[in-house]
């Protein structure tokens, strides 16, 4: 349960950082950015732990990086899908 709460908090931070890194008019506002950040944090955490560069438990530099990268990927995919 704790890991789930940590990844939601990381997702909030990751979503904000991803939006700051890749600004644009993706639509949806703050709520959509938060949701995409949380999804990205889960994706980034899962992929990071799968390839051995991140962890899915607790705050660490590598978990923040993987969460932000995951959020950027999800934000990019959402941007491409939403434009079509």
C-alpha atoms as a PDB file:
ATOM      1  CA  UNK A   1       0.000   0.000   0.000  1.00  0.00           C
ATOM      2  CA  UNK A   2       2.820   2.396   0.873  1.00  0.00           C
ATOM      3  CA  UNK A   3       4.449   1.915  -2.553  1.00  0.00           C
ATOM      4  CA  UNK A   4       1.171   2.860  -4.235  1.00  0.00           C
ATOM      5  CA  UNK A   5       0.957   6.113  -2.260  1.00  0.00           C
ATOM      6  CA  UNK A   6       4.622   6.884  -2.972  1.00  0.00           C
ATOM      7  CA  UNK A   7       4.110   6.410  -6.718  1.00  0.00           C
ATOM      8  CA  UNK A   8       1.052   8.653  -6.681  1.00  0.00           C
ATOM      9  CA  UNK A   9       3.080  11.367  -4.954  1.00  0.00           C
ATOM     10  CA  UNK A  10       5.956  10.784  -7.364  1.00  0.00           C
ATOM     11  CA  UNK A  11       3.473  10.955 -10.226  1.00  0.00           C
ATOM     12  CA  UNK A  12       2.277  14.357  -9.110  1.00  0.00           C
ATOM     13  CA  UNK A  13       5.856  15.631  -9.069  1.00  0.00           C
ATOM     14  CA  UNK A  14       6.735  13.810 -12.293  1.00  0.00           C
ATOM     15  CA  UNK A  15       3.689  15.206 -14.087  1.00  0.00           C
ATOM     16  CA  UNK A  16       4.578  18.738 -13.078  1.00  0.00           C
ATOM     17  CA  UNK A  17       8.222  18.276 -14.094  1.00  0.00           C
ATOM     18  CA  UNK A  18       7.265  16.646 -17.396  1.00  0.00           C
ATOM     19  CA  UNK A  19       4.898  19.514 -18.207  1.00  0.00           C
ATOM     20  CA  UNK A  20       7.653  21.982 -17.309  1.00  0.00           C
ATOM     21  CA  UNK A  21      10.171  20.136 -19.526  1.00  0.00           C
ATOM     22  CA  UNK A  22       7.723  19.661 -22.418  1.00  0.00           C
ATOM     23  CA  UNK A  23       5.293  22.568 -22.355  1.00  0.00           C
ATOM     24  CA  UNK A  24       2.546  22.691 -24.874  1.00  0.00           C
ATOM     25  CA  UNK A  25      -1.163  22.717 -25.445  1.00  0.00           C
ATOM     26  CA  UNK A  26      -2.035  19.106 -24.717  1.00  0.00           C
ATOM     27  CA  UNK A  27      -5.370  20.080 -23.227  1.00  0.00           C
ATOM     28  CA  UNK A  28      -6.953  18.730 -20.111  1.00  0.00           C
ATOM     29  CA  UNK A  29      -5.282  21.199 -17.789  1.00  0.00           C
ATOM     30  CA  UNK A  30      -3.840  20.423 -14.409  1.00  0.00           C
ATOM     31  CA  UNK A  31      -6.000  17.353 -13.775  1.00  0.00           C
ATOM     32  CA  UNK A  32      -4.955  15.639 -17.010  1.00  0.00           C
ATOM     33  CA  UNK A  33      -1.297  16.479 -16.376  1.00  0.00           C
ATOM     34  CA  UNK A  34      -1.586  14.938 -12.915  1.00  0.00           C
ATOM     35  CA  UNK A  35      -3.220  11.784 -14.246  1.00  0.00           C
ATOM     36  CA  UNK A  36      -0.614  11.479 -17.000  1.00  0.00           C
ATOM     37  CA  UNK A  37       2.123  12.032 -14.420  1.00  0.00           C
ATOM     38  CA  UNK A  38       0.812   9.267 -12.179  1.00  0.00           C
ATOM     39  CA  UNK A  39       0.465   6.903 -15.150  1.00  0.00           C
ATOM     40  CA  UNK A  40       3.946   7.892 -16.289  1.00  0.00           C
ATOM     41  CA  UNK A  41       5.356   7.283 -12.836  1.00  0.00           C
ATOM     42  CA  UNK A  42       3.906   3.779 -12.823  1.00  0.00           C
ATOM     43  CA  UNK A  43       5.173   3.103 -16.349  1.00  0.00           C
ATOM     44  CA  UNK A  44       8.595   4.579 -15.625  1.00  0.00           C
ATOM     45  CA  UNK A  45       8.870   2.757 -12.308  1.00  0.00           C
ATOM     46  CA  UNK A  46       7.870  -0.549 -13.816  1.00  0.00           C
ATOM     47  CA  UNK A  47      10.254  -0.212 -16.756  1.00  0.00           C
ATOM     48  CA  UNK A  48      13.013   1.117 -14.521  1.00  0.00           C
ATOM     49  CA  UNK A  49      12.738  -1.786 -12.113  1.00  0.00           C
ATOM     50  CA  UNK A  50      12.490  -4.192 -15.046  1.00  0.00           C
ATOM     51  CA  UNK A  51      15.808  -3.050 -16.519  1.00  0.00           C
ATOM     52  CA  UNK A  52      17.436  -2.445 -13.127  1.00  0.00           C
ATOM     53  CA  UNK A  53      17.818   1.336 -12.984  1.00  0.00           C
ATOM     54  CA  UNK A  54      14.976   2.240 -10.652  1.00  0.00           C
ATOM     55  CA  UNK A  55      12.999   0.963  -7.759  1.00  0.00           C
ATOM     56  CA  UNK A  56       9.293   0.870  -7.108  1.00  0.00           C
ATOM     57  CA  UNK A  57       9.640   1.584  -3.398  1.00  0.00           C
ATOM     58  CA  UNK A  58      10.463   4.931  -1.846  1.00  0.00           C
ATOM     59  CA  UNK A  59      11.855   8.204  -3.013  1.00  0.00           C
ATOM     60  CA  UNK A  60      15.281   8.124  -4.579  1.00  0.00           C
ATOM     61  CA  UNK A  61      17.015  10.018  -7.330  1.00  0.00           C
ATOM     62  CA  UNK A  62      16.664   7.105  -9.745  1.00  0.00           C
ATOM     63  CA  UNK A  63      12.965   6.683  -8.988  1.00  0.00           C
ATOM     64  CA  UNK A  64      12.333  10.377  -9.639  1.00  0.00           C
ATOM     65  CA  UNK A  65      14.248  10.199 -12.928  1.00  0.00           C
ATOM     66  CA  UNK A  66      12.398   7.075 -14.080  1.00  0.00           C
ATOM     67  CA  UNK A  67       9.054   8.608 -13.079  1.00  0.00           C
ATOM     68  CA  UNK A  68       9.775  11.812 -15.008  1.00  0.00           C
ATOM     69  CA  UNK A  69      10.970   9.885 -18.063  1.00  0.00           C
ATOM     70  CA  UNK A  70       7.850   7.714 -17.893  1.00  0.00           C
ATOM     71  CA  UNK A  71       5.665  10.819 -17.585  1.00  0.00           C
ATOM     72  CA  UNK A  72       7.411  12.406 -20.574  1.00  0.00           C
ATOM     73  CA  UNK A  73       6.798   9.277 -22.644  1.00  0.00           C
ATOM     74  CA  UNK A  74       3.136   9.113 -21.635  1.00  0.00           C
ATOM     75  CA  UNK A  75       2.739  12.857 -22.279  1.00  0.00           C
ATOM     76  CA  UNK A  76       4.334  12.484 -25.718  1.00  0.00           C
ATOM     77  CA  UNK A  77       2.066   9.525 -26.599  1.00  0.00           C
ATOM     78  CA  UNK A  78      -0.993  11.419 -25.355  1.00  0.00           C
ATOM     79  CA  UNK A  79       0.033  14.434 -27.432  1.00  0.00           C
ATOM     80  CA  UNK A  80       0.362  12.315 -30.593  1.00  0.00           C
ATOM     81  CA  UNK A  81      -2.928  10.479 -30.046  1.00  0.00           C
ATOM     82  CA  UNK A  82      -4.898  13.594 -29.085  1.00  0.00           C
ATOM     83  CA  UNK A  83      -3.829  15.492 -32.207  1.00  0.00           C
ATOM     84  CA  UNK A  84      -5.236  12.898 -34.593  1.00  0.00           C
END
